[in-house]
Amino acid sequence: MVYILFLYWYPIKENRAAFIGLGFLLGIAIDFFSDTMAIHAASTITIAYMRPAIMRFVFGVNFEFQSFKLSNTTRVQQITYLALLIIVHHFVFFTLEIFSLANFLLILKKVLATGTATLILCLLFGSLFSVRKE
């Protein structure tokens, strides 16, 4: 589920309502082609809505300033931010897919397994398309 990178790379200071709307459109487009009945849309809307809280948790209040750029943060902060986005997305996704808290361990197993694979793929794609600092 590497489409989470869109929500990761989206500019921070842009209109939040437009960002949530684009998150919905991204999720519903994926749902349309994968026939998953708006589960991706609900998951992307959730992480689009929670992104400021996750950023405040990872970066502190620094991200609220005009000069904040994701590229100016440490690699550990970037990976933590991406990992939290992935965990929240996958937890919402698999909870809605299974739709039973009786299978909570199955949900956690899927979140951890798919989340690890997604994080590795996102880091590989991120390193592929990143600009090197010299």
N, C-alpha and C. Protein backbone atom coordinates (compact mmCIF):
# COMPACT_ATOMS: atom_id res chain seq x y z
N MET A 1 0.83 -1.18 0.00
CA MET A 1 0.00 0.00 0.00
C MET A 1 0.88 1.25 0.00
N VAL A 2 1.63 1.41 -1.06
CA VAL A 2 2.58 2.52 -1.14
C VAL A 2 1.92 3.85 -1.46
N TYR A 3 0.62 3.88 -1.71
CA TYR A 3 -0.05 5.14 -1.98
C TYR A 3 -0.07 6.04 -0.75
N ILE A 4 0.31 5.53 0.39
CA ILE A 4 0.42 6.34 1.60
C ILE A 4 1.50 7.40 1.43
N LEU A 5 2.45 7.16 0.54
CA LEU A 5 3.51 8.15 0.29
C LEU A 5 2.94 9.47 -0.21
N PHE A 6 1.81 9.44 -0.92
CA PHE A 6 1.18 10.69 -1.35
C PHE A 6 0.81 11.52 -0.13
N LEU A 7 0.24 10.89 0.87
CA LEU A 7 -0.15 11.61 2.08
C LEU A 7 1.07 12.02 2.90
N TYR A 8 2.15 11.28 2.77
CA TYR A 8 3.40 11.60 3.46
C TYR A 8 4.08 12.81 2.82
N TRP A 9 4.11 12.85 1.47
CA TRP A 9 4.83 13.90 0.76
C TRP A 9 3.99 15.14 0.49
N TYR A 10 2.71 15.11 0.75
CA TYR A 10 1.86 16.27 0.46
C TYR A 10 2.36 17.47 1.25
N PRO A 11 2.41 18.67 0.66
CA PRO A 11 2.92 19.86 1.36
C PRO A 11 2.17 20.12 2.67
N ILE A 12 2.90 20.54 3.67
CA ILE A 12 2.35 20.67 5.01
C ILE A 12 1.47 21.90 5.14
N LYS A 13 1.83 22.99 4.51
CA LYS A 13 1.12 24.25 4.70
C LYS A 13 -0.03 24.46 3.72
N GLU A 14 -0.44 23.45 3.02
CA GLU A 14 -1.56 23.58 2.09
C GLU A 14 -2.89 23.53 2.84
N ASN A 15 -3.97 23.80 2.13
CA ASN A 15 -5.32 23.80 2.69
C ASN A 15 -5.67 22.40 3.22
N ARG A 16 -6.06 22.34 4.49
CA ARG A 16 -6.33 21.04 5.11
C ARG A 16 -7.59 20.37 4.54
N ALA A 17 -8.61 21.16 4.24
CA ALA A 17 -9.84 20.58 3.68
C ALA A 17 -9.57 19.99 2.30
N ALA A 18 -8.76 20.66 1.51
CA ALA A 18 -8.41 20.13 0.19
C ALA A 18 -7.59 18.86 0.34
N PHE A 19 -6.71 18.82 1.35
CA PHE A 19 -5.89 17.63 1.59
C PHE A 19 -6.77 16.44 1.97
N ILE A 20 -7.75 16.65 2.84
CA ILE A 20 -8.65 15.57 3.23
C ILE A 20 -9.49 15.13 2.02
N GLY A 21 -9.91 16.09 1.21
CA GLY A 21 -10.66 15.76 0.00
C GLY A 21 -9.83 14.95 -0.99
N LEU A 22 -8.56 15.33 -1.16
CA LEU A 22 -7.68 14.56 -2.04
C LEU A 22 -7.40 13.18 -1.47
N GLY A 23 -7.30 13.08 -0.15
CA GLY A 23 -7.15 11.77 0.48
C GLY A 23 -8.35 10.88 0.21
N PHE A 24 -9.53 11.48 0.29
CA PHE A 24 -10.74 10.71 -0.02
C PHE A 24 -10.75 10.26 -1.48
N LEU A 25 -10.41 11.18 -2.39
CA LEU A 25 -10.41 10.82 -3.81
C LEU A 25 -9.39 9.73 -4.12
N LEU A 26 -8.23 9.80 -3.49
CA LEU A 26 -7.23 8.76 -3.66
C LEU A 26 -7.75 7.42 -3.16
N GLY A 27 -8.33 7.42 -1.97
CA GLY A 27 -8.85 6.18 -1.39
C GLY A 27 -10.00 5.60 -2.19
N ILE A 28 -10.92 6.45 -2.63
CA ILE A 28 -12.09 5.95 -3.37
C ILE A 28 -11.66 5.44 -4.75
N ALA A 29 -10.62 6.04 -5.35
CA ALA A 29 -10.12 5.55 -6.64
C ALA A 29 -9.52 4.15 -6.46
N ILE A 30 -8.78 3.95 -5.40
CA ILE A 30 -8.20 2.63 -5.14
C ILE A 30 -9.32 1.63 -4.84
N ASP A 31 -10.33 2.07 -4.08
CA ASP A 31 -11.47 1.19 -3.79
C ASP A 31 -12.23 0.81 -5.05
N PHE A 32 -12.36 1.76 -5.96
CA PHE A 32 -13.09 1.50 -7.20
C PHE A 32 -12.41 0.39 -8.00
N PHE A 33 -11.08 0.43 -8.06
CA PHE A 33 -10.36 -0.55 -8.86
C PHE A 33 -10.11 -1.86 -8.12
N SER A 34 -10.15 -1.84 -6.80
CA SER A 34 -9.89 -3.08 -6.05
C SER A 34 -11.16 -3.67 -5.44
N ASP A 35 -12.31 -3.00 -5.63
CA ASP A 35 -13.61 -3.50 -5.18
C ASP A 35 -13.61 -3.79 -3.67
N THR A 36 -13.23 -2.78 -2.88
CA THR A 36 -13.16 -2.96 -1.44
C THR A 36 -14.16 -2.11 -0.66
N MET A 37 -15.13 -1.55 -1.31
CA MET A 37 -16.27 -0.87 -0.67
C MET A 37 -15.85 0.24 0.31
N ALA A 38 -15.01 1.16 -0.11
CA ALA A 38 -14.64 2.38 0.61
C ALA A 38 -13.80 2.15 1.86
N ILE A 39 -13.15 1.01 1.98
CA ILE A 39 -12.27 0.78 3.12
C ILE A 39 -11.00 1.62 2.98
N HIS A 40 -10.45 1.69 1.78
CA HIS A 40 -9.27 2.52 1.56
C HIS A 40 -9.60 4.00 1.77
N ALA A 41 -10.77 4.42 1.32
CA ALA A 41 -11.17 5.82 1.49
C ALA A 41 -11.28 6.18 2.97
N ALA A 42 -11.88 5.32 3.76
CA ALA A 42 -11.99 5.59 5.20
C ALA A 42 -10.62 5.64 5.85
N SER A 43 -9.73 4.77 5.44
CA SER A 43 -8.38 4.75 6.01
C SER A 43 -7.57 5.98 5.63
N THR A 44 -7.66 6.40 4.37
CA THR A 44 -6.91 7.58 3.96
C THR A 44 -7.48 8.86 4.56
N ILE A 45 -8.79 8.94 4.71
CA ILE A 45 -9.38 10.10 5.37
C ILE A 45 -8.93 10.16 6.82
N THR A 46 -8.85 9.02 7.47
CA THR A 46 -8.43 8.98 8.87
C THR A 46 -7.01 9.51 9.03
N ILE A 47 -6.08 9.04 8.20
CA ILE A 47 -4.71 9.52 8.38
C ILE A 47 -4.54 10.95 7.86
N ALA A 48 -5.35 11.37 6.88
CA ALA A 48 -5.31 12.77 6.45
C ALA A 48 -5.80 13.68 7.57
N TYR A 49 -6.81 13.26 8.29
CA TYR A 49 -7.33 14.05 9.40
C TYR A 49 -6.37 14.05 10.59
N MET A 50 -5.73 12.91 10.85
CA MET A 50 -4.86 12.79 12.02
C MET A 50 -3.42 13.25 11.75
N ARG A 51 -3.09 13.62 10.53
CA ARG A 51 -1.72 14.00 10.20
C ARG A 51 -1.16 15.12 11.06
N PRO A 52 -1.87 16.21 11.35
CA PRO A 52 -1.29 17.24 12.22
C PRO A 52 -0.97 16.72 13.63
N ALA A 53 -1.82 15.87 14.18
CA ALA A 53 -1.55 15.31 15.51
C ALA A 53 -0.34 14.39 15.49
N ILE A 54 -0.21 13.60 14.44
CA ILE A 54 0.95 12.71 14.31
C ILE A 54 2.22 13.54 14.13
N MET A 55 2.15 14.59 13.33
CA MET A 55 3.31 15.45 13.13
C MET A 55 3.70 16.16 14.42
N ARG A 56 2.72 16.61 15.17
CA ARG A 56 3.01 17.26 16.45
C ARG A 56 3.67 16.27 17.41
N PHE A 57 3.25 15.02 17.38
CA PHE A 57 3.83 13.99 18.22
C PHE A 57 5.28 13.71 17.83
N VAL A 58 5.56 13.62 16.54
CA VAL A 58 6.89 13.25 16.08
C VAL A 58 7.86 14.43 16.09
N PHE A 59 7.42 15.57 15.56
CA PHE A 59 8.31 16.71 15.37
C PHE A 59 8.18 17.77 16.46
N GLY A 60 7.22 17.66 17.34
CA GLY A 60 6.98 18.69 18.34
C GLY A 60 6.26 19.86 17.69
N VAL A 61 6.38 21.02 18.26
CA VAL A 61 5.69 22.19 17.71
C VAL A 61 6.46 22.81 16.56
N ASN A 62 7.61 22.27 16.22
CA ASN A 62 8.44 22.83 15.14
C ASN A 62 7.72 22.83 13.79
N PHE A 63 6.83 21.87 13.56
CA PHE A 63 6.22 21.76 12.23
C PHE A 63 5.21 22.86 11.98
N GLU A 64 4.82 23.62 13.00
CA GLU A 64 3.83 24.67 12.81
C GLU A 64 4.44 25.96 12.28
N PHE A 65 5.76 26.04 12.21
CA PHE A 65 6.40 27.24 11.70
C PHE A 65 6.46 27.21 10.19
N GLN A 66 6.56 28.40 9.58
CA GLN A 66 6.55 28.51 8.12
C GLN A 66 7.79 27.87 7.49
N SER A 67 8.90 27.87 8.20
CA SER A 67 10.14 27.38 7.61
C SER A 67 10.32 25.87 7.74
N PHE A 68 9.33 25.17 8.28
CA PHE A 68 9.48 23.72 8.47
C PHE A 68 9.42 23.00 7.14
N LYS A 69 10.37 22.09 6.94
CA LYS A 69 10.38 21.21 5.78
C LYS A 69 10.70 19.81 6.26
N LEU A 70 10.05 18.85 5.68
CA LEU A 70 10.27 17.46 6.06
C LEU A 70 11.70 17.03 5.77
N SER A 71 12.30 17.61 4.75
CA SER A 71 13.67 17.24 4.38
C SER A 71 14.69 17.76 5.39
N ASN A 72 14.31 18.73 6.22
CA ASN A 72 15.24 19.28 7.21
C ASN A 72 15.22 18.52 8.53
N THR A 73 14.43 17.48 8.63
CA THR A 73 14.34 16.72 9.87
C THR A 73 15.29 15.53 9.80
N THR A 74 15.48 14.87 10.93
CA THR A 74 16.37 13.72 10.95
C THR A 74 15.71 12.53 10.27
N ARG A 75 16.52 11.59 9.85
CA ARG A 75 16.00 10.39 9.18
C ARG A 75 15.13 9.56 10.13
N VAL A 76 15.51 9.52 11.42
CA VAL A 76 14.73 8.77 12.41
C VAL A 76 13.34 9.38 12.56
N GLN A 77 13.25 10.71 12.57
CA GLN A 77 11.94 11.37 12.67
C GLN A 77 11.10 11.09 11.43
N GLN A 78 11.71 11.10 10.27
CA GLN A 78 10.97 10.82 9.04
C GLN A 78 10.43 9.39 9.03
N ILE A 79 11.25 8.44 9.45
CA ILE A 79 10.82 7.04 9.47
C ILE A 79 9.73 6.84 10.53
N THR A 80 9.87 7.49 11.68
CA THR A 80 8.84 7.39 12.72
C THR A 80 7.52 7.96 12.24
N TYR A 81 7.58 9.10 11.58
CA TYR A 81 6.37 9.74 11.03
C TYR A 81 5.70 8.83 10.00
N LEU A 82 6.48 8.27 9.08
CA LEU A 82 5.93 7.36 8.07
C LEU A 82 5.37 6.10 8.71
N ALA A 83 6.08 5.56 9.69
CA ALA A 83 5.62 4.34 10.36
C ALA A 83 4.30 4.58 11.09
N LEU A 84 4.15 5.73 11.74
CA LEU A 84 2.89 6.02 12.43
C LEU A 84 1.74 6.20 11.45
N LEU A 85 2.00 6.84 10.32
CA LEU A 85 0.96 6.95 9.29
C LEU A 85 0.53 5.57 8.81
N ILE A 86 1.50 4.70 8.58
CA ILE A 86 1.21 3.36 8.10
C ILE A 86 0.44 2.55 9.14
N ILE A 87 0.86 2.63 10.40
CA ILE A 87 0.18 1.86 11.45
C ILE A 87 -1.26 2.31 11.61
N VAL A 88 -1.50 3.61 11.65
CA VAL A 88 -2.87 4.10 11.79
C VAL A 88 -3.71 3.69 10.59
N HIS A 89 -3.16 3.86 9.39
CA HIS A 89 -3.89 3.48 8.17
C HIS A 89 -4.23 2.00 8.18
N HIS A 90 -3.27 1.15 8.46
CA HIS A 90 -3.50 -0.28 8.41
C HIS A 90 -4.42 -0.74 9.54
N PHE A 91 -4.32 -0.13 10.70
CA PHE A 91 -5.22 -0.51 11.78
C PHE A 91 -6.67 -0.21 11.42
N VAL A 92 -6.93 0.97 10.86
CA VAL A 92 -8.30 1.31 10.43
C VAL A 92 -8.72 0.38 9.30
N PHE A 93 -7.82 0.16 8.34
CA PHE A 93 -8.15 -0.67 7.18
C PHE A 93 -8.53 -2.08 7.60
N PHE A 94 -7.69 -2.74 8.40
CA PHE A 94 -7.95 -4.14 8.75
C PHE A 94 -9.07 -4.28 9.78
N THR A 95 -9.28 -3.26 10.59
CA THR A 95 -10.43 -3.30 11.50
C THR A 95 -11.73 -3.25 10.70
N LEU A 96 -11.78 -2.41 9.69
CA LEU A 96 -12.98 -2.34 8.85
C LEU A 96 -13.11 -3.59 7.96
N GLU A 97 -12.01 -4.15 7.54
CA GLU A 97 -12.06 -5.34 6.68
C GLU A 97 -12.57 -6.55 7.46
N ILE A 98 -12.03 -6.77 8.64
CA ILE A 98 -12.42 -7.93 9.44
C ILE A 98 -13.72 -7.65 10.19
N PHE A 99 -13.89 -6.42 10.66
CA PHE A 99 -15.11 -5.91 11.30
C PHE A 99 -15.56 -6.75 12.49
N SER A 100 -14.59 -7.18 13.28
CA SER A 100 -14.89 -7.94 14.49
C SER A 100 -13.72 -7.79 15.44
N LEU A 101 -13.99 -7.23 16.61
CA LEU A 101 -12.93 -7.09 17.59
C LEU A 101 -12.64 -8.41 18.30
N ALA A 102 -13.43 -9.43 18.03
CA ALA A 102 -13.14 -10.76 18.56
C ALA A 102 -11.86 -11.31 17.93
N ASN A 103 -11.55 -10.83 16.75
CA ASN A 103 -10.34 -11.25 16.04
C ASN A 103 -9.25 -10.19 16.16
N PHE A 104 -9.11 -9.60 17.32
CA PHE A 104 -8.16 -8.51 17.52
C PHE A 104 -6.72 -8.95 17.25
N LEU A 105 -6.37 -10.16 17.64
CA LEU A 105 -5.00 -10.64 17.39
C LEU A 105 -4.73 -10.82 15.89
N LEU A 106 -5.74 -11.23 15.15
CA LEU A 106 -5.60 -11.33 13.70
C LEU A 106 -5.39 -9.95 13.09
N ILE A 107 -6.13 -8.96 13.59
CA ILE A 107 -5.97 -7.59 13.12
C ILE A 107 -4.54 -7.11 13.38
N LEU A 108 -4.05 -7.34 14.60
CA LEU A 108 -2.68 -6.92 14.94
C LEU A 108 -1.64 -7.63 14.09
N LYS A 109 -1.85 -8.91 13.84
CA LYS A 109 -0.91 -9.67 13.01
C LYS A 109 -0.87 -9.12 11.60
N LYS A 110 -2.03 -8.81 11.05
CA LYS A 110 -2.08 -8.24 9.70
C LYS A 110 -1.47 -6.85 9.65
N VAL A 111 -1.74 -6.05 10.68
CA VAL A 111 -1.18 -4.70 10.73
C VAL A 111 0.34 -4.76 10.78
N LEU A 112 0.88 -5.62 11.62
CA LEU A 112 2.34 -5.71 11.74
C LEU A 112 2.99 -6.28 10.48
N ALA A 113 2.43 -7.33 9.93
CA ALA A 113 3.02 -7.95 8.74
C ALA A 113 2.93 -7.03 7.52
N THR A 114 1.74 -6.53 7.25
CA THR A 114 1.57 -5.67 6.08
C THR A 114 2.22 -4.32 6.31
N GLY A 115 2.18 -3.83 7.54
CA GLY A 115 2.81 -2.56 7.85
C GLY A 115 4.32 -2.60 7.67
N THR A 116 4.95 -3.70 8.05
CA THR A 116 6.39 -3.84 7.86
C THR A 116 6.74 -3.87 6.38
N ALA A 117 5.98 -4.61 5.62
CA ALA A 117 6.23 -4.67 4.17
C ALA A 117 5.99 -3.31 3.52
N THR A 118 4.94 -2.63 3.94
CA THR A 118 4.64 -1.31 3.38
C THR A 118 5.73 -0.32 3.74
N LEU A 119 6.21 -0.35 4.97
CA LEU A 119 7.27 0.57 5.40
C LEU A 119 8.54 0.34 4.59
N ILE A 120 8.90 -0.91 4.38
CA ILE A 120 10.10 -1.22 3.60
C ILE A 120 9.95 -0.72 2.16
N LEU A 121 8.79 -0.99 1.56
CA LEU A 121 8.56 -0.54 0.18
C LEU A 121 8.54 0.98 0.09
N CYS A 122 7.91 1.65 1.06
CA CYS A 122 7.87 3.11 1.05
C CYS A 122 9.27 3.70 1.21
N LEU A 123 10.08 3.11 2.07
CA LEU A 123 11.45 3.59 2.23
C LEU A 123 12.26 3.37 0.96
N LEU A 124 12.04 2.25 0.28
CA LEU A 124 12.74 2.00 -0.98
C LEU A 124 12.31 2.99 -2.06
N PHE A 125 11.00 3.23 -2.19
CA PHE A 125 10.52 4.21 -3.15
C PHE A 125 10.99 5.61 -2.79
N GLY A 126 11.00 5.92 -1.49
CA GLY A 126 11.46 7.23 -1.05
C GLY A 126 12.93 7.45 -1.36
N SER A 127 13.75 6.44 -1.18
CA SER A 127 15.17 6.59 -1.50
C SER A 127 15.39 6.63 -3.01
N LEU A 128 14.51 6.01 -3.75
CA LEU A 128 14.62 6.01 -5.20
C LEU A 128 14.35 7.40 -5.78
N PHE A 129 13.38 8.11 -5.21
CA PHE A 129 12.96 9.40 -5.74
C PHE A 129 13.46 10.59 -4.92
N SER A 130 14.37 10.38 -4.00
CA SER A 130 14.85 11.48 -3.19
C SER A 130 16.07 12.12 -3.83
N VAL A 131 16.26 13.39 -3.50
CA VAL A 131 17.41 14.13 -4.00
C VAL A 131 18.52 14.03 -2.96
N ARG A 132 19.70 13.69 -3.37
CA ARG A 132 20.83 13.53 -2.45
C ARG A 132 21.38 14.88 -2.04
N LYS A 133 21.66 15.01 -0.76
CA LYS A 133 22.33 16.21 -0.26
C LYS A 133 23.83 15.96 -0.26
N GLU A 134 24.57 16.95 -0.73
CA GLU A 134 26.03 16.78 -0.74
C GLU A 134 26.69 17.84 0.07
